[in-house]
PDB file of all heavy atoms in Angstrom:
ATOM      1  N   GLY A   1     -22.321  11.914  -7.349  1.00  0.00           N
ATOM      2  CA  GLY A   1     -22.267  10.552  -7.854  1.00  0.00           C
ATOM      3  C   GLY A   1     -22.562   9.573  -6.743  1.00  0.00           C
ATOM      4  O   GLY A   1     -22.191   9.805  -5.589  1.00  0.00           O
ATOM      5  N   LEU A   2     -23.245   8.492  -7.083  1.00  0.00           N
ATOM      6  CA  LEU A   2     -23.596   7.479  -6.100  1.00  0.00           C
ATOM      7  C   LEU A   2     -22.540   6.370  -6.102  1.00  0.00           C
ATOM      8  O   LEU A   2     -21.930   6.099  -7.132  1.00  0.00           O
ATOM      9  CB  LEU A   2     -24.974   6.901  -6.419  1.00  0.00           C
ATOM     10  CG  LEU A   2     -26.128   7.905  -6.426  1.00  0.00           C
ATOM     11  CD1 LEU A   2     -27.440   7.190  -6.762  1.00  0.00           C
ATOM     12  CD2 LEU A   2     -26.254   8.625  -5.101  1.00  0.00           C
ATOM     13  N   PRO A   3     -22.325   5.752  -4.926  1.00  0.00           N
ATOM     14  CA  PRO A   3     -22.987   5.992  -3.637  1.00  0.00           C
ATOM     15  C   PRO A   3     -22.342   7.146  -2.875  1.00  0.00           C
ATOM     16  O   PRO A   3     -21.215   7.542  -3.147  1.00  0.00           O
ATOM     17  CB  PRO A   3     -22.759   4.669  -2.888  1.00  0.00           C
ATOM     18  CG  PRO A   3     -21.415   4.214  -3.388  1.00  0.00           C
ATOM     19  CD  PRO A   3     -21.385   4.604  -4.847  1.00  0.00           C
ATOM     20  N   GLY A   4     -23.101   7.664  -1.932  1.00  0.00           N
ATOM     21  CA  GLY A   4     -22.583   8.658  -1.006  1.00  0.00           C
ATOM     22  C   GLY A   4     -23.222   8.425   0.346  1.00  0.00           C
ATOM     23  O   GLY A   4     -24.410   8.118   0.428  1.00  0.00           O
ATOM     24  N   VAL A   5     -22.443   8.542   1.394  1.00  0.00           N
ATOM     25  CA  VAL A   5     -22.941   8.301   2.753  1.00  0.00           C
ATOM     26  C   VAL A   5     -22.727   9.556   3.590  1.00  0.00           C
ATOM     27  O   VAL A   5     -21.623  10.115   3.615  1.00  0.00           O
ATOM     28  CB  VAL A   5     -22.233   7.098   3.402  1.00  0.00           C
ATOM     29  CG1 VAL A   5     -22.510   7.038   4.905  1.00  0.00           C
ATOM     30  CG2 VAL A   5     -22.690   5.799   2.748  1.00  0.00           C
ATOM     31  N   VAL A   6     -23.791   9.996   4.263  1.00  0.00           N
ATOM     32  CA  VAL A   6     -23.711  11.134   5.172  1.00  0.00           C
ATOM     33  C   VAL A   6     -23.844  10.604   6.597  1.00  0.00           C
ATOM     34  O   VAL A   6     -24.772   9.863   6.905  1.00  0.00           O
ATOM     35  CB  VAL A   6     -24.817  12.169   4.891  1.00  0.00           C
ATOM     36  CG1 VAL A   6     -24.710  13.341   5.865  1.00  0.00           C
ATOM     37  CG2 VAL A   6     -24.719  12.668   3.453  1.00  0.00           C
ATOM     38  N   LEU A   7     -22.910  10.989   7.444  1.00  0.00           N
ATOM     39  CA  LEU A   7     -22.954  10.613   8.857  1.00  0.00           C
ATOM     40  C   LEU A   7     -23.546  11.768   9.649  1.00  0.00           C
ATOM     41  O   LEU A   7     -23.116  12.923   9.489  1.00  0.00           O
ATOM     42  CB  LEU A   7     -21.547  10.292   9.373  1.00  0.00           C
ATOM     43  CG  LEU A   7     -20.777   9.202   8.615  1.00  0.00           C
ATOM     44  CD1 LEU A   7     -19.407   8.985   9.244  1.00  0.00           C
ATOM     45  CD2 LEU A   7     -21.564   7.904   8.572  1.00  0.00           C
ATOM     46  N   MET A   8     -24.537  11.466  10.496  1.00  0.00           N
ATOM     47  CA  MET A   8     -25.245  12.476  11.280  1.00  0.00           C
ATOM     48  C   MET A   8     -25.311  12.064  12.737  1.00  0.00           C
ATOM     49  O   MET A   8     -25.259  10.865  13.051  1.00  0.00           O
ATOM     50  CB  MET A   8     -26.676  12.644  10.760  1.00  0.00           C
ATOM     51  CG  MET A   8     -26.808  13.012   9.315  1.00  0.00           C
ATOM     52  SD  MET A   8     -28.565  13.131   8.836  1.00  0.00           S
ATOM     53  CE  MET A   8     -28.414  13.699   7.145  1.00  0.00           C
ATOM     54  N   ASP A   9     -25.485  13.053  13.619  1.00  0.00           N
ATOM     55  CA  ASP A   9     -25.752  12.717  15.015  1.00  0.00           C
ATOM     56  C   ASP A   9     -27.235  12.401  15.182  1.00  0.00           C
ATOM     57  O   ASP A   9     -27.995  12.386  14.209  1.00  0.00           O
ATOM     58  CB  ASP A   9     -25.285  13.840  15.955  1.00  0.00           C
ATOM     59  CG  ASP A   9     -26.017  15.164  15.733  1.00  0.00           C
ATOM     60  OD1 ASP A   9     -27.156  15.151  15.199  1.00  0.00           O
ATOM     61  OD2 ASP A   9     -25.475  16.218  16.109  1.00  0.00           O
ATOM     62  N   GLU A  10     -27.638  12.144  16.416  1.00  0.00           N
ATOM     63  CA  GLU A  10     -29.009  11.694  16.652  1.00  0.00           C
ATOM     64  C   GLU A  10     -30.049  12.761  16.323  1.00  0.00           C
ATOM     65  O   GLU A  10     -31.231  12.447  16.099  1.00  0.00           O
ATOM     66  CB  GLU A  10     -29.176  11.236  18.107  1.00  0.00           C
ATOM     67  CG  GLU A  10     -29.173  12.356  19.133  1.00  0.00           C
ATOM     68  CD  GLU A  10     -27.787  12.888  19.467  1.00  0.00           C
ATOM     69  OE1 GLU A  10     -26.794  12.381  18.897  1.00  0.00           O
ATOM     70  OE2 GLU A  10     -27.693  13.818  20.293  1.00  0.00           O
ATOM     71  N   LYS A  11     -29.642  14.015  16.236  1.00  0.00           N
ATOM     72  CA  LYS A  11     -30.554  15.100  15.883  1.00  0.00           C
ATOM     73  C   LYS A  11     -30.629  15.329  14.370  1.00  0.00           C
ATOM     74  O   LYS A  11     -31.368  16.193  13.914  1.00  0.00           O
ATOM     75  CB  LYS A  11     -30.127  16.389  16.581  1.00  0.00           C
ATOM     76  CG  LYS A  11     -30.201  16.325  18.105  1.00  0.00           C
ATOM     77  CD  LYS A  11     -29.726  17.622  18.729  1.00  0.00           C
ATOM     78  CE  LYS A  11     -29.775  17.555  20.247  1.00  0.00           C
ATOM     79  NZ  LYS A  11     -29.259  18.802  20.880  1.00  0.00           N
ATOM     80  N   GLY A  12     -29.833  14.580  13.633  1.00  0.00           N
ATOM     81  CA  GLY A  12     -29.809  14.753  12.192  1.00  0.00           C
ATOM     82  C   GLY A  12     -28.825  15.809  11.727  1.00  0.00           C
ATOM     83  O   GLY A  12     -28.858  16.208  10.557  1.00  0.00           O
ATOM     84  N   MET A  13     -27.931  16.250  12.608  1.00  0.00           N
ATOM     85  CA  MET A  13     -26.919  17.229  12.219  1.00  0.00           C
ATOM     86  C   MET A  13     -25.720  16.487  11.626  1.00  0.00           C
ATOM     87  O   MET A  13     -25.099  15.654  12.283  1.00  0.00           O
ATOM     88  CB  MET A  13     -26.489  18.076  13.424  1.00  0.00           C
ATOM     89  CG  MET A  13     -27.625  18.871  14.039  1.00  0.00           C
ATOM     90  SD  MET A  13     -28.471  19.953  12.844  1.00  0.00           S
ATOM     91  CE  MET A  13     -27.157  21.106  12.421  1.00  0.00           C
ATOM     92  N   PRO A  14     -25.365  16.775  10.374  1.00  0.00           N
ATOM     93  CA  PRO A  14     -24.320  16.014   9.688  1.00  0.00           C
ATOM     94  C   PRO A  14     -22.919  16.408  10.150  1.00  0.00           C
ATOM     95  O   PRO A  14     -22.666  17.569  10.479  1.00  0.00           O
ATOM     96  CB  PRO A  14     -24.536  16.391   8.229  1.00  0.00           C
ATOM     97  CG  PRO A  14     -25.078  17.792   8.296  1.00  0.00           C
ATOM     98  CD  PRO A  14     -25.944  17.834   9.525  1.00  0.00           C
ATOM     99  N   TYR A  15     -22.014  15.438  10.145  1.00  0.00           N
ATOM    100  CA  TYR A  15     -20.639  15.759  10.505  1.00  0.00           C
ATOM    101  C   TYR A  15     -19.607  15.188   9.534  1.00  0.00           C
ATOM    102  O   TYR A  15     -18.430  15.520   9.628  1.00  0.00           O
ATOM    103  CB  TYR A  15     -20.317  15.343  11.944  1.00  0.00           C
ATOM    104  CG  TYR A  15     -20.597  13.895  12.286  1.00  0.00           C
ATOM    105  CD1 TYR A  15     -19.697  12.886  11.972  1.00  0.00           C
ATOM    106  CD2 TYR A  15     -21.756  13.548  12.978  1.00  0.00           C
ATOM    107  CE1 TYR A  15     -19.950  11.571  12.306  1.00  0.00           C
ATOM    108  CE2 TYR A  15     -22.014  12.226  13.326  1.00  0.00           C
ATOM    109  CZ  TYR A  15     -21.105  11.245  12.992  1.00  0.00           C
ATOM    110  OH  TYR A  15     -21.347   9.940  13.330  1.00  0.00           O
ATOM    111  N   ASP A  16     -20.022  14.349   8.600  1.00  0.00           N
ATOM    112  CA  ASP A  16     -19.070  13.909   7.569  1.00  0.00           C
ATOM    113  C   ASP A  16     -19.821  13.312   6.391  1.00  0.00           C
ATOM    114  O   ASP A  16     -20.981  12.894   6.514  1.00  0.00           O
ATOM    115  CB  ASP A  16     -18.080  12.884   8.122  1.00  0.00           C
ATOM    116  CG  ASP A  16     -16.784  12.850   7.303  1.00  0.00           C
ATOM    117  OD1 ASP A  16     -16.592  13.752   6.458  1.00  0.00           O
ATOM    118  OD2 ASP A  16     -15.957  11.949   7.524  1.00  0.00           O
ATOM    119  N   ILE A  17     -19.139  13.300   5.248  1.00  0.00           N
ATOM    120  CA  ILE A  17     -19.679  12.720   4.025  1.00  0.00           C
ATOM    121  C   ILE A  17     -18.607  11.818   3.425  1.00  0.00           C
ATOM    122  O   ILE A  17     -17.447  12.221   3.286  1.00  0.00           O
ATOM    123  CB  ILE A  17     -20.073  13.805   3.002  1.00  0.00           C
ATOM    124  CG1 ILE A  17     -21.131  14.735   3.604  1.00  0.00           C
ATOM    125  CG2 ILE A  17     -20.582  13.179   1.715  1.00  0.00           C
ATOM    126  CD1 ILE A  17     -21.481  15.918   2.736  1.00  0.00           C
ATOM    127  N   ILE A  18     -18.995  10.599   3.077  1.00  0.00           N
ATOM    128  CA  ILE A  18     -18.073   9.651   2.453  1.00  0.00           C
ATOM    129  C   ILE A  18     -18.556   9.414   1.024  1.00  0.00           C
ATOM    130  O   ILE A  18     -19.664   8.920   0.812  1.00  0.00           O
ATOM    131  CB  ILE A  18     -18.027   8.319   3.225  1.00  0.00           C
ATOM    132  CG1 ILE A  18     -17.654   8.568   4.699  1.00  0.00           C
ATOM    133  CG2 ILE A  18     -17.027   7.365   2.581  1.00  0.00           C
ATOM    134  CD1 ILE A  18     -17.747   7.325   5.571  1.00  0.00           C
ATOM    135  N   HIS A  19     -17.737   9.779   0.068  1.00  0.00           N
ATOM    136  CA  HIS A  19     -18.107   9.623  -1.336  1.00  0.00           C
ATOM    137  C   HIS A  19     -17.568   8.294  -1.864  1.00  0.00           C
ATOM    138  O   HIS A  19     -16.417   7.929  -1.644  1.00  0.00           O
ATOM    139  CB  HIS A  19     -17.546  10.776  -2.167  1.00  0.00           C
ATOM    140  CG  HIS A  19     -18.126  12.113  -1.816  1.00  0.00           C
ATOM    141  ND1 HIS A  19     -19.329  12.562  -2.316  1.00  0.00           N
ATOM    142  CD2 HIS A  19     -17.673  13.096  -0.996  1.00  0.00           C
ATOM    143  CE1 HIS A  19     -19.589  13.764  -1.842  1.00  0.00           C
ATOM    144  NE2 HIS A  19     -18.600  14.112  -1.032  1.00  0.00           N
ATOM    145  N   GLY A  20     -18.417   7.570  -2.577  1.00  0.00           N
ATOM    146  CA  GLY A  20     -17.985   6.339  -3.212  1.00  0.00           C
ATOM    147  C   GLY A  20     -17.900   5.161  -2.258  1.00  0.00           C
ATOM    148  O   GLY A  20     -18.177   5.268  -1.059  1.00  0.00           O
ATOM    149  N   ALA A  21     -17.511   4.020  -2.822  1.00  0.00           N
ATOM    150  CA  ALA A  21     -17.323   2.807  -2.035  1.00  0.00           C
ATOM    151  C   ALA A  21     -15.820   2.494  -1.965  1.00  0.00           C
ATOM    152  O   ALA A  21     -14.999   3.243  -2.494  1.00  0.00           O
ATOM    153  CB  ALA A  21     -18.081   1.646  -2.671  1.00  0.00           C
ATOM    154  N   ARG A  22     -15.483   1.416  -1.298  1.00  0.00           N
ATOM    155  CA  ARG A  22     -14.121   0.904  -1.271  1.00  0.00           C
ATOM    156  C   ARG A  22     -14.193  -0.603  -1.507  1.00  0.00           C
ATOM    157  O   ARG A  22     -15.257  -1.192  -1.462  1.00  0.00           O
ATOM    158  CB  ARG A  22     -13.435   1.218   0.060  1.00  0.00           C
ATOM    159  CG  ARG A  22     -13.335   2.707   0.389  1.00  0.00           C
ATOM    160  CD  ARG A  22     -12.498   3.474  -0.624  1.00  0.00           C
ATOM    161  NE  ARG A  22     -12.309   4.869  -0.233  1.00  0.00           N
ATOM    162  CZ  ARG A  22     -13.143   5.857  -0.501  1.00  0.00           C
ATOM    163  NH1 ARG A  22     -14.287   5.604  -1.151  1.00  0.00           N
ATOM    164  NH2 ARG A  22     -12.876   7.091  -0.128  1.00  0.00           N
ATOM    165  N   ARG A  23     -13.071  -1.240  -1.710  1.00  0.00           N
ATOM    166  CA  ARG A  23     -13.102  -2.654  -2.057  1.00  0.00           C
ATOM    167  C   ARG A  23     -13.554  -3.532  -0.897  1.00  0.00           C
ATOM    168  O   ARG A  23     -14.267  -4.509  -1.078  1.00  0.00           O
ATOM    169  CB  ARG A  23     -11.711  -3.116  -2.527  1.00  0.00           C
ATOM    170  CG  ARG A  23     -11.295  -2.562  -3.877  1.00  0.00           C
ATOM    171  CD  ARG A  23      -9.982  -3.168  -4.356  1.00  0.00           C
ATOM    172  NE  ARG A  23      -8.928  -2.982  -3.347  1.00  0.00           N
ATOM    173  CZ  ARG A  23      -8.327  -3.975  -2.724  1.00  0.00           C
ATOM    174  NH1 ARG A  23      -8.659  -5.228  -2.981  1.00  0.00           N
ATOM    175  NH2 ARG A  23      -7.375  -3.736  -1.834  1.00  0.00           N
ATOM    176  N   THR A  24     -13.115  -3.198   0.307  1.00  0.00           N
ATOM    177  CA  THR A  24     -13.353  -4.078   1.451  1.00  0.00           C
ATOM    178  C   THR A  24     -13.836  -3.277   2.654  1.00  0.00           C
ATOM    179  O   THR A  24     -13.626  -2.050   2.734  1.00  0.00           O
ATOM    180  CB  THR A  24     -12.054  -4.803   1.857  1.00  0.00           C
ATOM    181  OG1 THR A  24     -11.106  -3.824   2.323  1.00  0.00           O
ATOM    182  CG2 THR A  24     -11.461  -5.572   0.679  1.00  0.00           C
ATOM    183  N   PRO A  25     -14.456  -3.942   3.635  1.00  0.00           N
ATOM    184  CA  PRO A  25     -14.816  -3.259   4.885  1.00  0.00           C
ATOM    185  C   PRO A  25     -13.598  -2.645   5.574  1.00  0.00           C
ATOM    186  O   PRO A  25     -13.692  -1.551   6.140  1.00  0.00           O
ATOM    187  CB  PRO A  25     -15.427  -4.383   5.730  1.00  0.00           C
ATOM    188  CG  PRO A  25     -15.905  -5.388   4.747  1.00  0.00           C
ATOM    189  CD  PRO A  25     -14.936  -5.342   3.614  1.00  0.00           C
ATOM    190  N   GLU A  26     -12.472  -3.338   5.479  1.00  0.00           N
ATOM    191  CA  GLU A  26     -11.262  -2.845   6.147  1.00  0.00           C
ATOM    192  C   GLU A  26     -10.760  -1.537   5.539  1.00  0.00           C
ATOM    193  O   GLU A  26     -10.098  -0.746   6.218  1.00  0.00           O
ATOM    194  CB  GLU A  26     -10.163  -3.922   6.070  1.00  0.00           C
ATOM    195  CG  GLU A  26     -10.420  -5.145   6.942  1.00  0.00           C
ATOM    196  CD  GLU A  26     -11.540  -6.038   6.421  1.00  0.00           C
ATOM    197  OE1 GLU A  26     -11.834  -5.993   5.189  1.00  0.00           O
ATOM    198  OE2 GLU A  26     -12.134  -6.775   7.235  1.00  0.00           O
ATOM    199  N   GLU A  27     -11.075  -1.305   4.261  1.00  0.00           N
ATOM    200  CA  GLU A  27     -10.697  -0.036   3.636  1.00  0.00           C
ATOM    201  C   GLU A  27     -11.722   1.056   3.911  1.00  0.00           C
ATOM    202  O   GLU A  27     -11.382   2.242   3.913  1.00  0.00           O
ATOM    203  CB  GLU A  27     -10.551  -0.226   2.119  1.00  0.00           C
ATOM    204  CG  GLU A  27      -9.372  -1.105   1.726  1.00  0.00           C
ATOM    205  CD  GLU A  27      -9.309  -1.352   0.231  1.00  0.00           C
ATOM    206  OE1 GLU A  27     -10.223  -0.896  -0.484  1.00  0.00           O
ATOM    207  OE2 GLU A  27      -8.362  -2.011  -0.218  1.00  0.00           O
TER     208      GLU A  27
END
């Protein structure tokens, strides 16, 4: 389901996935 964010290092190797959004930047 969208949105989904994948965090990668500079080589493109992934290290985490964040599913969904949150209400605020602080969350």
